[in-house]
């Protein structure tokens, strides 16, 4: 048989089996989305299914996914998984003078196949789900995919130049440094891209906004930690300098959403309190409902001032519980994270890369740092590890920091390892900020340090101290001079993590009125502990030194309660049967509900309703 016939046969077989391969990939994706635990879900199917992508001549490390009304491109890069919002899908890309962009060039045939995989996946998911809200969201995604498939079928005549096949599907970055506009296009290809459409100066020149906002999300950090850092300038030169800054404002009148990360992370990023998002189950599967909550959240629809002034919004690092494909692109248009966990060295590279992409443009950066909870992958990092006490190593590097541990036996070594991790983080945070200051003045930055909860070890053993230390995490800002008064006033109000983005958004109004932000705040900060097979608990911070603690006699079901009305009923029942305790300094005693202050009773009724 001649080479011509062999080649023709290969083409025929590839085209014949390609349809089945695309459908198989889609079925596997749909099943994984539906059945995998959310915290373990990944955008990639893994190398075991690579052969299916080879049949289709596709890269198994690339993915295009419809989320609500937009498309997002995911690619496995050297820094982990990188993704960006597809603002434009076209045969041509116009780059204005001094304009920069993020883009990828994909062969027309391959682009169509990537879209078809996601379309088939969404159709299968729509068939598998019975939840009305999920179905509505999936149908919106399907419509988005159909609209963009029509664009791919556009056979407009384009440039004669071929794009180098080695670079196809990889994420590229470009800035047009010429004094004229540039139009690029390539043979048989489409360009998916994101442009900031943001000049070097912010949009409204009448108001002096901070040109860059950087949020450091540090897991497991409390105000007690801050006090230790302030007193140890040699160990923590960068963080101590920031925390001792005269403009450093801490929101002490606050409480965490819960005592663990998942509910808190969702509240921070969606703007929903727990009683609105109701996400608490660590083994929950199928992230479609979670994405839907992001795209229907107060943050997605209500942060107009942030959206207007910070077209570039980046997220680096890996939160234990939240990944970009869980809905984070509802706010961020460029994300980088490791598939599982990122230590501070990975986060440092990701954050520096995004600062380089932003260059001198106004931008918003959210940087997740998890090393403060415990050593990622159980490796204690330098330079902090080089300062550990000999005793800590000799006794076996014992570490107890989390709700799964019993405390008291290894407090000294736990604290030593905890502070060594912060020393390593201190070093990286200094590098990140100094890198940003090279392009944008230090005085043009709004810097924030936040945490989901405090520590389990920095308490004096009293009930009040244990609860206050764990449920009063670090919430702080270092604003520009123009915003100092606004944040000082805001710090006196009861803070909820659900109001974090609202706080920033309202600061960007011309009059910086605290009144509108105040309408989002409840009278008291509070925290709810909702965990499977555990009694429901409610903590209300009545004053700086007083916390009322309720512990229900009713246990939260071991299995997930997906019906929201049923969960509401369970929580109301939990609040109807249990005991209250009054905690203040060293005092801790039971108190009847009748003896609760009227303000607490009224607050409780508000929460129940």
Protein backbone atom coordinates (compact mmCIF):
# COMPACT_ATOMS: atom_id res chain seq x y z
CA UNK A 1 0.00 0.00 0.00
CA UNK A 2 1.43 3.37 -1.00
CA UNK A 3 2.28 6.09 1.53
CA UNK A 4 -0.55 8.19 0.11
CA UNK A 5 -3.18 5.55 0.95
CA UNK A 6 -1.69 4.93 4.40
CA UNK A 7 -1.85 8.66 5.15
CA UNK A 8 -5.43 8.87 3.84
CA UNK A 9 -6.42 5.88 5.98
CA UNK A 10 -4.90 7.48 9.10
CA UNK A 11 -6.81 10.70 8.44
CA UNK A 12 -10.05 8.77 7.94
CA UNK A 13 -9.60 6.72 11.13
CA UNK A 14 -8.63 9.78 13.16
CA UNK A 15 -11.70 11.70 11.96
CA UNK A 16 -13.95 8.68 12.53
CA UNK A 17 -12.76 8.02 16.09
CA UNK A 18 -12.39 11.72 16.94
CA UNK A 19 -16.14 12.19 17.47
CA UNK A 20 -16.20 9.29 19.94
CA UNK A 21 -13.05 10.59 21.67
CA UNK A 22 -14.59 14.06 22.13
CA UNK A 23 -17.75 12.52 23.59
CA UNK A 24 -15.74 10.24 25.87
CA UNK A 25 -13.67 13.16 27.18
CA UNK A 26 -16.90 15.10 27.86
CA UNK A 27 -18.53 12.17 29.66
CA UNK A 28 -15.45 11.66 31.86
CA UNK A 29 -15.33 15.39 32.68
CA UNK A 30 -19.02 15.49 33.58
CA UNK A 31 -18.73 12.43 35.82
CA UNK A 32 -15.66 13.86 37.57
CA UNK A 33 -17.38 17.22 38.18
CA UNK A 34 -20.47 15.46 39.52
CA UNK A 35 -18.70 12.90 41.71
CA UNK A 36 -15.38 14.40 42.88
CA UNK A 37 -15.06 16.14 46.22
CA UNK A 38 -14.95 19.88 45.53
CA UNK A 39 -11.66 20.35 47.40
CA UNK A 40 -10.02 17.63 45.25
CA UNK A 41 -11.48 18.65 41.88
CA UNK A 42 -9.10 19.58 39.07
CA UNK A 43 -9.57 21.15 35.65
CA UNK A 44 -7.26 18.60 34.01
CA UNK A 45 -8.33 14.99 33.48
CA UNK A 46 -4.76 13.83 34.11
CA UNK A 47 -2.32 11.93 31.94
CA UNK A 48 -4.27 8.66 32.08
CA UNK A 49 -6.68 10.10 29.50
CA UNK A 50 -4.02 11.81 27.40
CA UNK A 51 -4.46 9.29 24.56
CA UNK A 52 -8.02 10.54 23.96
CA UNK A 53 -6.72 14.07 23.43
CA UNK A 54 -4.02 12.72 21.10
CA UNK A 55 -6.70 11.14 18.92
CA UNK A 56 -8.27 14.61 18.61
CA UNK A 57 -4.85 16.29 18.18
CA UNK A 58 -5.58 18.35 21.29
CA UNK A 59 -3.47 19.37 24.26
CA UNK A 60 -4.77 17.69 27.42
CA UNK A 61 -3.29 20.57 29.47
CA UNK A 62 -5.66 23.13 27.88
CA UNK A 63 -9.30 23.76 28.69
CA UNK A 64 -11.90 26.31 27.62
CA UNK A 65 -14.81 26.57 30.02
CA UNK A 66 -17.99 28.60 29.92
CA UNK A 67 -18.87 30.19 33.24
CA UNK A 68 -22.15 32.08 33.09
CA UNK A 69 -21.91 34.53 30.15
CA UNK A 70 -18.14 34.36 29.64
CA UNK A 71 -15.44 31.94 28.50
CA UNK A 72 -12.25 31.23 30.44
CA UNK A 73 -9.05 29.62 29.22
CA UNK A 74 -7.09 27.26 31.51
CA UNK A 75 -3.56 26.08 30.80
CA UNK A 76 -0.98 24.19 32.84
CA UNK A 77 2.09 26.45 32.94
CA UNK A 78 5.41 26.37 34.78
CA UNK A 79 3.82 28.14 37.76
CA UNK A 80 0.89 25.68 37.97
CA UNK A 81 -2.56 26.20 36.47
CA UNK A 82 -2.96 29.59 34.82
CA UNK A 83 -6.24 30.96 33.54
CA UNK A 84 -7.67 34.16 32.11
CA UNK A 85 -10.98 35.61 31.01
CA UNK A 86 -11.54 35.39 27.25
CA UNK A 87 -12.61 38.92 26.49
CA UNK A 88 -12.28 38.48 22.73
CA UNK A 89 -12.37 35.47 20.41
CA UNK A 90 -11.57 36.56 16.87
CA UNK A 91 -9.45 36.06 13.79
CA UNK A 92 -7.77 39.41 14.45
CA UNK A 93 -6.44 41.13 17.55
CA UNK A 94 -6.00 44.89 17.56
CA UNK A 95 -3.45 46.14 20.08
CA UNK A 96 -3.42 49.90 20.49
CA UNK A 97 -0.19 51.79 21.08
CA UNK A 98 1.20 51.28 24.61
CA UNK A 99 -1.51 48.68 25.23
CA UNK A 100 -0.72 45.25 26.67
CA UNK A 101 -2.65 42.01 26.42
CA UNK A 102 -2.79 38.36 27.48
CA UNK A 103 -3.57 36.01 24.61
CA UNK A 104 -3.34 32.54 23.13
CA UNK A 105 -3.43 31.48 19.47
CA UNK A 106 -5.36 28.27 18.73
CA UNK A 107 -5.98 26.47 15.46
CA UNK A 108 -9.61 26.88 14.29
CA UNK A 109 -10.26 23.14 14.31
CA UNK A 110 -8.77 22.69 17.79
CA UNK A 111 -10.59 25.70 19.20
CA UNK A 112 -13.89 24.30 17.96
CA UNK A 113 -13.10 20.96 19.59
CA UNK A 114 -12.25 22.57 22.95
CA UNK A 115 -15.59 24.40 22.84
CA UNK A 116 -17.45 21.22 21.84
CA UNK A 117 -15.92 19.31 24.78
CA UNK A 118 -17.24 21.91 27.20
CA UNK A 119 -20.60 22.07 25.40
CA UNK A 120 -21.07 18.29 25.57
CA UNK A 121 -19.91 18.33 29.23
CA UNK A 122 -22.48 20.97 30.15
CA UNK A 123 -25.27 19.13 28.28
CA UNK A 124 -24.46 15.93 30.19
CA UNK A 125 -24.35 17.83 33.51
CA UNK A 126 -27.71 19.39 32.73
CA UNK A 127 -29.10 15.89 32.26
CA UNK A 128 -27.53 14.63 35.50
CA UNK A 129 -28.71 17.43 37.81
CA UNK A 130 -32.18 17.94 39.21
CA UNK A 131 -31.57 21.27 40.97
CA UNK A 132 -33.42 24.11 39.27
CA UNK A 133 -30.74 26.73 40.07
CA UNK A 134 -28.01 24.49 38.63
CA UNK A 135 -30.03 23.84 35.47
CA UNK A 136 -30.55 27.58 34.89
CA UNK A 137 -26.82 28.23 35.33
CA UNK A 138 -25.81 25.36 33.02
CA UNK A 139 -28.25 26.50 30.32
CA UNK A 140 -26.70 29.97 30.45
CA UNK A 141 -23.27 28.37 29.94
CA UNK A 142 -24.59 26.29 27.01
CA UNK A 143 -25.92 29.43 25.35
CA UNK A 144 -22.52 31.12 25.79
CA UNK A 145 -20.78 28.17 24.12
CA UNK A 146 -23.19 28.12 21.17
CA UNK A 147 -22.64 31.84 20.52
CA UNK A 148 -18.87 31.39 20.50
CA UNK A 149 -18.99 28.28 18.32
CA UNK A 150 -20.62 30.43 15.63
CA UNK A 151 -17.61 32.78 15.82
CA UNK A 152 -15.23 29.88 15.27
CA UNK A 153 -17.11 28.90 12.13
CA UNK A 154 -16.48 32.37 10.70
CA UNK A 155 -14.25 31.81 7.64
CA UNK A 156 -12.94 35.36 7.30
CA UNK A 157 -9.81 35.62 5.14
CA UNK A 158 -6.82 36.25 7.38
CA UNK A 159 -3.07 36.84 7.33
CA UNK A 160 -0.81 34.53 5.36
CA UNK A 161 1.52 33.99 8.36
CA UNK A 162 1.47 30.69 10.21
CA UNK A 163 1.70 30.76 14.00
CA UNK A 164 4.48 28.56 15.36
CA UNK A 165 2.87 25.25 16.31
CA UNK A 166 5.11 24.91 19.39
CA UNK A 167 3.53 28.02 20.94
CA UNK A 168 -0.06 27.17 20.01
CA UNK A 169 -2.34 26.98 23.05
CA UNK A 170 0.24 28.52 25.39
CA UNK A 171 -0.53 31.79 27.17
CA UNK A 172 1.42 34.74 25.79
CA UNK A 173 1.89 38.35 26.98
CA UNK A 174 2.59 41.33 24.76
CA UNK A 175 2.82 45.10 24.94
CA UNK A 176 2.72 47.31 21.85
CA UNK A 177 5.58 49.74 22.45
CA UNK A 178 5.25 51.36 19.03
CA UNK A 179 3.53 54.67 18.35
CA UNK A 180 0.94 53.06 16.11
CA UNK A 181 -1.76 50.45 16.54
CA UNK A 182 -0.93 46.85 15.67
CA UNK A 183 -3.27 44.23 14.20
CA UNK A 184 -2.21 40.58 14.33
CA UNK A 185 -3.81 37.52 12.72
CA UNK A 186 -2.63 34.07 11.70
CA UNK A 187 -3.52 31.47 9.12
CA UNK A 188 -6.30 29.01 10.11
CA UNK A 189 -6.28 30.29 13.68
CA UNK A 190 -8.27 32.31 16.19
CA UNK A 191 -6.87 34.53 18.91
CA UNK A 192 -8.41 34.42 22.36
CA UNK A 193 -7.37 37.42 24.42
CA UNK A 194 -7.83 39.68 27.40
CA UNK A 195 -6.89 43.38 27.32
CA UNK A 196 -7.11 45.58 30.39
CA UNK A 197 -8.46 48.54 28.41
CA UNK A 198 -6.88 50.49 31.22
CA UNK A 199 -4.51 53.40 30.72
CA UNK A 200 -1.59 54.13 33.03
CA UNK A 201 -3.86 56.49 34.98
CA UNK A 202 -7.14 55.56 36.58
CA UNK A 203 -10.40 56.38 34.86
CA UNK A 204 -11.76 59.22 37.02
CA UNK A 205 -8.98 61.77 37.35
CA UNK A 206 -11.02 63.95 39.72
CA UNK A 207 -10.51 61.42 42.50
CA UNK A 208 -7.15 60.14 43.72
CA UNK A 209 -7.62 56.41 44.02
CA UNK A 210 -4.88 54.05 45.19
CA UNK A 211 -3.33 52.86 41.95
CA UNK A 212 -2.76 49.35 43.23
CA UNK A 213 -4.53 47.22 45.81
CA UNK A 214 -2.70 44.19 47.26
CA UNK A 215 -4.52 41.80 49.58
CA UNK A 216 -2.46 39.21 51.47
CA UNK A 217 -4.75 36.38 52.61
CA UNK A 218 -2.78 34.65 55.38
CA UNK A 219 -4.38 31.52 56.80
CA UNK A 220 -4.39 31.14 60.60
CA UNK A 221 -3.23 34.60 61.67
CA UNK A 222 -4.57 36.53 64.67
CA UNK A 223 -3.95 39.83 66.43
CA UNK A 224 -1.87 37.92 68.99
CA UNK A 225 0.39 36.90 66.10
CA UNK A 226 0.65 40.56 65.06
CA UNK A 227 1.79 41.55 68.56
CA UNK A 228 4.53 38.90 68.49
CA UNK A 229 5.67 40.14 65.07
CA UNK A 230 5.78 43.77 66.26
CA UNK A 231 8.07 42.81 69.15
CA UNK A 232 10.51 40.82 66.98
CA UNK A 233 11.78 43.25 64.35
CA UNK A 234 14.92 41.22 63.68
CA UNK A 235 12.96 38.04 62.92
CA UNK A 236 10.23 39.76 60.89
CA UNK A 237 11.74 42.97 59.43
CA UNK A 238 9.15 43.44 56.67
CA UNK A 239 5.96 42.53 58.51
CA UNK A 240 6.96 44.37 61.70
CA UNK A 241 7.63 47.51 59.66
CA UNK A 242 4.17 47.24 58.08
CA UNK A 243 2.34 46.46 61.33
CA UNK A 244 4.12 49.30 63.17
CA UNK A 245 3.24 51.76 60.42
CA UNK A 246 1.24 54.71 61.80
CA UNK A 247 -1.38 54.11 59.10
CA UNK A 248 -1.86 50.43 60.03
CA UNK A 249 -5.54 50.01 60.92
CA UNK A 250 -6.81 46.77 62.44
CA UNK A 251 -10.47 45.78 62.57
CA UNK A 252 -10.59 44.30 66.05
CA UNK A 253 -14.39 44.47 66.22
CA UNK A 254 -14.75 41.38 64.06
CA UNK A 255 -15.27 37.64 64.10
CA UNK A 256 -14.57 34.85 61.64
CA UNK A 257 -17.37 33.25 59.63
CA UNK A 258 -16.53 29.91 61.25
CA UNK A 259 -13.56 28.08 62.78
CA UNK A 260 -12.32 26.68 59.47
CA UNK A 261 -11.45 27.83 55.97
CA UNK A 262 -14.14 26.70 53.53
CA UNK A 263 -17.13 28.77 54.76
CA UNK A 264 -14.87 31.78 55.40
CA UNK A 265 -13.25 31.74 51.96
CA UNK A 266 -16.66 31.63 50.25
CA UNK A 267 -17.93 34.56 52.35
CA UNK A 268 -14.86 36.69 51.62
CA UNK A 269 -15.09 36.12 47.88
CA UNK A 270 -18.87 36.11 47.28
CA UNK A 271 -19.98 38.73 49.80
CA UNK A 272 -22.47 36.22 51.26
CA UNK A 273 -22.64 35.44 54.96
CA UNK A 274 -22.88 31.76 55.88
CA UNK A 275 -26.65 31.94 56.32
CA UNK A 276 -26.81 33.01 52.65
CA UNK A 277 -24.34 30.61 51.01
CA UNK A 278 -24.84 27.63 53.40
CA UNK A 279 -21.62 25.89 52.36
CA UNK A 280 -20.15 23.91 55.24
CA UNK A 281 -19.70 20.26 54.24
CA UNK A 282 -16.01 19.27 53.72
CA UNK A 283 -16.88 16.22 51.62
CA UNK A 284 -19.31 18.06 49.31
CA UNK A 285 -19.23 16.97 45.68
CA UNK A 286 -20.10 18.76 42.42
CA UNK A 287 -18.90 22.37 42.29
CA UNK A 288 -21.59 23.60 39.85
CA UNK A 289 -23.79 24.90 42.67
CA UNK A 290 -20.76 26.67 44.17
CA UNK A 291 -19.94 28.41 40.85
CA UNK A 292 -23.57 29.44 40.55
CA UNK A 293 -23.39 31.06 44.00
CA UNK A 294 -20.39 33.11 42.85
CA UNK A 295 -22.10 34.36 39.68
CA UNK A 296 -25.29 35.26 41.55
CA UNK A 297 -23.49 36.77 44.55
CA UNK A 298 -23.55 40.37 45.85
CA UNK A 299 -19.88 40.74 44.90
CA UNK A 300 -20.43 39.73 41.27
CA UNK A 301 -23.20 42.27 40.79
CA UNK A 302 -22.33 45.01 43.27
CA UNK A 303 -18.66 45.98 43.04
CA UNK A 304 -18.97 48.57 40.28
CA UNK A 305 -16.33 50.95 41.66
CA UNK A 306 -13.70 48.20 41.86
CA UNK A 307 -14.60 46.89 38.38
CA UNK A 308 -14.42 50.39 36.90
CA UNK A 309 -11.05 51.35 38.35
CA UNK A 310 -9.21 48.01 38.43
CA UNK A 311 -9.70 46.25 35.11
CA UNK A 312 -6.76 44.00 35.94
CA UNK A 313 -7.69 41.74 38.85
CA UNK A 314 -5.26 38.97 39.75
CA UNK A 315 -5.28 36.04 42.13
CA UNK A 316 -2.12 34.07 43.03
CA UNK A 317 -1.59 31.18 45.41
CA UNK A 318 -3.75 28.26 46.48
CA UNK A 319 -6.42 28.44 49.13
CA UNK A 320 -6.94 25.03 50.77
CA UNK A 321 -10.56 24.97 49.69
CA UNK A 322 -11.02 27.32 46.73
CA UNK A 323 -9.68 26.91 43.18
CA UNK A 324 -10.21 29.14 40.16
CA UNK A 325 -12.68 26.80 38.46
CA UNK A 326 -14.93 26.96 41.55
CA UNK A 327 -16.11 30.41 40.47
CA UNK A 328 -13.24 32.75 41.36
CA UNK A 329 -13.31 34.22 37.85
CA UNK A 330 -16.57 35.91 38.80
CA UNK A 331 -14.21 38.57 40.19
CA UNK A 332 -10.65 37.80 39.04
CA UNK A 333 -9.73 37.85 35.34
CA UNK A 334 -6.31 36.22 35.73
CA UNK A 335 -5.42 33.42 38.17
CA UNK A 336 -2.41 31.22 38.84
CA UNK A 337 -2.30 28.40 41.38
CA UNK A 338 -0.83 24.97 41.91
CA UNK A 339 -3.25 22.07 41.33
CA UNK A 340 -3.16 21.12 45.02
CA UNK A 341 -1.18 23.33 47.38
CA UNK A 342 1.35 26.13 46.91
CA UNK A 343 4.07 26.93 49.42
CA UNK A 344 5.37 30.47 49.72
CA UNK A 345 8.08 29.95 47.08
CA UNK A 346 5.46 28.99 44.48
CA UNK A 347 3.22 31.88 45.51
CA UNK A 348 6.14 34.29 45.27
CA UNK A 349 6.82 33.31 41.64
CA UNK A 350 3.13 33.54 40.74
CA UNK A 351 2.69 36.96 42.38
CA UNK A 352 5.84 38.41 40.76
CA UNK A 353 4.68 37.17 37.35
CA UNK A 354 1.31 38.90 37.74
CA UNK A 355 2.98 42.13 38.90
CA UNK A 356 5.13 41.97 35.76
CA UNK A 357 2.00 41.51 33.62
CA UNK A 358 0.34 44.50 35.31
CA UNK A 359 3.52 46.57 35.01
CA UNK A 360 2.58 50.18 35.90
CA UNK A 361 -1.15 49.78 35.25
CA UNK A 362 -3.65 50.08 38.08
CA UNK A 363 -4.46 46.60 39.34
CA UNK A 364 -5.96 44.51 42.13
CA UNK A 365 -3.92 41.59 43.52
CA UNK A 366 -5.20 38.89 45.88
CA UNK A 367 -2.39 36.65 47.17
CA UNK A 368 -3.26 33.45 49.07
CA UNK A 369 -0.60 32.29 51.55
CA UNK A 370 -1.33 29.05 53.39
CA UNK A 371 2.05 28.36 55.06
CA UNK A 372 0.92 30.06 58.27
CA UNK A 373 -1.59 27.25 58.90
CA UNK A 374 0.99 24.49 58.77
CA UNK A 375 4.04 23.65 56.62
CA UNK A 376 2.76 22.87 53.12
CA UNK A 377 3.53 19.28 52.12
CA UNK A 378 5.00 18.97 55.65
CA UNK A 379 8.20 20.77 54.70
CA UNK A 380 9.34 23.57 57.03
CA UNK A 381 10.76 26.23 54.75
CA UNK A 382 13.94 28.29 54.85
CA UNK A 383 14.95 30.85 55.87
CA UNK A 384 12.64 30.32 58.87
CA UNK A 385 13.61 26.67 59.32
CA UNK A 386 17.24 27.73 59.78
CA UNK A 387 16.24 29.56 62.98
CA UNK A 388 14.44 26.64 64.67
CA UNK A 389 15.41 25.73 68.22
CA UNK A 390 17.53 22.60 68.54
CA UNK A 391 14.99 21.20 71.01
CA UNK A 392 12.23 21.40 68.35
CA UNK A 393 14.18 19.08 66.05
CA UNK A 394 15.51 16.76 68.76
CA UNK A 395 12.00 16.12 70.08
CA UNK A 396 10.69 15.27 66.59
CA UNK A 397 9.26 18.45 64.96
CA UNK A 398 5.93 18.09 66.78
CA UNK A 399 3.24 20.47 65.50
CA UNK A 400 -0.33 20.93 66.79
CA UNK A 401 -2.30 23.65 65.04
CA UNK A 402 -5.80 22.81 63.89
CA UNK A 403 -9.12 21.51 65.15
CA UNK A 404 -7.97 17.89 64.70
CA UNK A 405 -5.28 18.15 67.38
CA UNK A 406 -5.36 17.89 71.15
CA UNK A 407 -3.38 20.71 72.69
CA UNK A 408 -0.93 21.11 75.51
CA UNK A 409 1.77 18.52 74.91
CA UNK A 410 3.77 20.27 72.17
CA UNK A 411 2.97 23.97 72.51
CA UNK A 412 6.63 25.07 72.50
CA UNK A 413 7.60 23.25 69.28
CA UNK A 414 4.30 24.21 67.60
CA UNK A 415 4.92 27.89 68.29
CA UNK A 416 8.55 27.58 67.13
CA UNK A 417 7.52 26.03 63.79
CA UNK A 418 4.61 28.48 63.39
CA UNK A 419 6.91 31.50 63.83
CA UNK A 420 9.56 30.00 61.54
CA UNK A 421 6.94 29.75 58.79
CA UNK A 422 6.03 33.41 59.31
CA UNK A 423 9.70 34.34 59.02
CA UNK A 424 9.83 32.69 55.58
CA UNK A 425 6.62 34.47 54.60
CA UNK A 426 8.01 37.78 55.86
CA UNK A 427 10.88 37.44 53.42
CA UNK A 428 8.57 36.75 50.44
CA UNK A 429 6.10 39.54 51.28
CA UNK A 430 9.00 41.99 51.35
CA UNK A 431 10.06 40.84 47.86
CA UNK A 432 6.50 41.12 46.49
CA UNK A 433 5.96 44.65 47.81
CA UNK A 434 9.40 45.90 46.76
CA UNK A 435 8.78 44.52 43.27
CA UNK A 436 5.46 46.36 43.09
CA UNK A 437 6.99 49.60 44.41
CA UNK A 438 9.41 49.61 41.44
CA UNK A 439 6.54 50.37 39.08
CA UNK A 440 4.05 52.15 41.33
CA UNK A 441 4.88 54.42 44.25
CA UNK A 442 4.52 53.01 47.76
CA UNK A 443 2.18 55.91 48.52
CA UNK A 444 -0.12 54.75 45.72
CA UNK A 445 -0.83 51.35 47.32
CA UNK A 446 -3.70 50.15 49.46
CA UNK A 447 -2.34 47.09 51.32
CA UNK A 448 -4.48 44.68 53.31
CA UNK A 449 -3.70 41.67 55.51
CA UNK A 450 -6.60 39.34 56.24
CA UNK A 451 -7.14 35.86 57.64
CA UNK A 452 -9.98 33.35 57.79
CA UNK A 453 -9.47 32.50 61.48
CA UNK A 454 -6.93 32.84 64.27
CA UNK A 455 -4.71 30.24 65.91
CA UNK A 456 -5.33 27.37 68.31
CA UNK A 457 -2.16 27.97 70.33
CA UNK A 458 -1.81 31.67 71.23
CA UNK A 459 -4.32 31.70 74.08
CA UNK A 460 -4.05 31.65 77.88
CA UNK A 461 -6.32 28.63 78.35
CA UNK A 462 -9.44 30.55 79.43
CA UNK A 463 -12.67 30.10 77.49
CA UNK A 464 -12.73 33.75 76.47
CA UNK A 465 -9.12 33.68 75.27
CA UNK A 466 -9.57 30.41 73.34
CA UNK A 467 -12.66 31.74 71.53
CA UNK A 468 -11.32 35.25 70.95
CA UNK A 469 -7.98 34.00 69.66
CA UNK A 470 -9.53 31.55 67.20
CA UNK A 471 -12.51 33.62 66.05
CA UNK A 472 -10.95 37.10 65.91
CA UNK A 473 -8.58 36.82 62.92
CA UNK A 474 -6.37 39.53 61.51
CA UNK A 475 -8.31 42.05 59.41
CA UNK A 476 -6.22 45.12 58.61
CA UNK A 477 -5.46 47.85 56.09
CA UNK A 478 -2.63 50.25 55.35
CA UNK A 479 -4.44 52.90 53.28
CA UNK A 480 -3.16 55.90 51.38
CA UNK A 481 -3.43 59.25 53.20
CA UNK A 482 -6.68 60.15 51.43
CA UNK A 483 -8.37 56.97 52.73
CA UNK A 484 -7.09 56.98 56.31
CA UNK A 485 -10.17 58.57 57.86
CA UNK A 486 -12.57 56.29 55.98
CA UNK A 487 -10.87 53.08 57.15
CA UNK A 488 -10.48 54.37 60.71
CA UNK A 489 -14.24 54.99 60.92
CA UNK A 490 -15.01 51.63 59.29
CA UNK A 491 -12.85 49.80 61.86
CA UNK A 492 -15.24 50.82 64.66
CA UNK A 493 -18.16 48.98 62.99
CA UNK A 494 -18.83 45.26 63.41
CA UNK A 495 -16.88 43.61 60.60
CA UNK A 496 -17.92 40.47 58.72
CA UNK A 497 -15.67 38.77 56.13
CA UNK A 498 -18.68 38.92 53.79
CA UNK A 499 -18.29 42.72 53.74
CA UNK A 500 -14.59 42.83 52.83
CA UNK A 501 -15.03 43.72 49.14
CA UNK A 502 -17.95 46.02 49.94
CA UNK A 503 -15.69 47.95 52.32
CA UNK A 504 -13.15 48.56 49.54
CA UNK A 505 -15.80 49.24 46.92
CA UNK A 506 -17.51 51.95 49.00
CA UNK A 507 -14.16 53.59 49.72
CA UNK A 508 -13.85 54.31 45.98
CA UNK A 509 -16.85 56.64 45.88
CA UNK A 510 -16.10 60.38 45.52
CA UNK A 511 -17.24 61.30 49.06
CA UNK A 512 -15.94 58.11 50.73
CA UNK A 513 -19.07 58.04 52.87
CA UNK A 514 -19.04 55.47 55.64
CA UNK A 515 -22.85 55.53 55.75
CA UNK A 516 -23.46 53.17 52.83
CA UNK A 517 -20.88 50.65 54.04
CA UNK A 518 -22.42 50.83 57.52
CA UNK A 519 -25.74 49.58 56.12
CA UNK A 520 -24.10 46.22 55.37
CA UNK A 521 -22.88 45.79 58.96
CA UNK A 522 -24.76 44.03 61.73
CA UNK A 523 -24.72 45.37 65.28
CA UNK A 524 -22.40 42.64 66.57
CA UNK A 525 -19.74 40.46 64.97
CA UNK A 526 -20.56 36.76 65.25
CA UNK A 527 -19.30 33.34 64.22
CA UNK A 528 -21.10 30.06 63.55
CA UNK A 529 -19.50 26.64 63.87
CA UNK A 530 -21.33 24.30 61.55
CA UNK A 531 -19.60 20.98 60.95
CA UNK A 532 -20.98 17.49 60.23
CA UNK A 533 -21.64 15.30 63.25
CA UNK A 534 -20.82 18.18 65.64
CA UNK A 535 -23.14 20.36 67.74
CA UNK A 536 -24.01 23.75 66.26
CA UNK A 537 -22.30 26.66 68.03
CA UNK A 538 -22.85 30.43 67.83
CA UNK A 539 -20.48 33.06 69.22
CA UNK A 540 -21.55 36.71 69.53
CA UNK A 541 -18.96 39.34 70.45
CA UNK A 542 -20.93 41.67 72.71
CA UNK A 543 -17.93 43.90 73.47
CA UNK A 544 -14.16 43.80 73.28
CA UNK A 545 -14.00 41.69 76.45
CA UNK A 546 -17.32 39.78 76.38
CA UNK A 547 -18.39 36.87 74.15
CA UNK A 548 -21.71 35.05 74.49
CA UNK A 549 -21.39 31.40 73.41
CA UNK A 550 -24.33 29.16 72.46
CA UNK A 551 -23.91 25.40 72.10
CA UNK A 552 -26.83 23.44 70.71
CA UNK A 553 -27.92 20.07 72.00
CA UNK A 554 -28.74 19.14 68.42
CA UNK A 555 -26.02 17.60 66.23
CA UNK A 556 -25.49 18.71 62.62
CA UNK A 557 -26.27 15.68 60.36
CA UNK A 558 -23.29 13.58 59.34
CA UNK A 559 -24.42 13.52 55.70
CA UNK A 560 -24.73 16.74 53.62
CA UNK A 561 -28.06 18.57 53.66
CA UNK A 562 -28.39 19.91 50.11
CA UNK A 563 -31.95 21.18 50.43
CA UNK A 564 -31.60 24.77 51.71
CA UNK A 565 -35.06 24.89 53.28
CA UNK A 566 -34.33 21.68 55.20
CA UNK A 567 -30.98 23.09 56.36
CA UNK A 568 -32.69 26.31 57.49
CA UNK A 569 -35.12 24.23 59.52
CA UNK A 570 -32.28 22.26 61.13
CA UNK A 571 -30.41 25.46 62.08
CA UNK A 572 -33.55 27.01 63.59
CA UNK A 573 -34.07 23.85 65.63
CA UNK A 574 -30.43 23.99 66.72
CA UNK A 575 -30.91 27.53 68.05
CA UNK A 576 -34.04 26.53 69.95
CA UNK A 577 -32.40 23.92 72.16
CA UNK A 578 -29.07 24.39 73.87
CA UNK A 579 -27.11 26.28 76.51
CA UNK A 580 -25.67 29.81 76.66
CA UNK A 581 -22.42 30.78 78.34
CA UNK A 582 -21.07 34.17 79.35
CA UNK A 583 -17.29 34.53 78.88
CA UNK A 584 -15.20 37.50 80.01
CA UNK A 585 -11.49 37.40 80.81
CA UNK A 586 -11.18 34.44 83.22
CA UNK A 587 -14.93 34.22 83.83
CA UNK A 588 -17.00 31.50 82.16
CA UNK A 589 -20.41 30.47 83.42
CA UNK A 590 -23.74 29.23 82.10
CA UNK A 591 -26.51 31.79 81.67
CA UNK A 592 -30.21 31.28 80.93
CA UNK A 593 -31.64 32.67 77.71
CA UNK A 594 -33.94 34.91 79.78
CA UNK A 595 -30.91 36.65 81.31
CA UNK A 596 -29.35 37.50 77.94
CA UNK A 597 -29.18 41.25 77.21
CA UNK A 598 -32.11 42.49 75.14
CA UNK A 599 -29.73 43.47 72.32
CA UNK A 600 -28.49 39.88 72.08
CA UNK A 601 -32.06 38.51 72.04
CA UNK A 602 -33.01 40.95 69.27
CA UNK A 603 -29.87 40.06 67.34
CA UNK A 604 -30.67 36.36 67.69
CA UNK A 605 -34.16 36.88 66.24
CA UNK A 606 -32.64 38.78 63.32
CA UNK A 607 -30.24 35.92 62.66
CA UNK A 608 -33.00 33.29 62.86
CA UNK A 609 -35.21 35.22 60.44
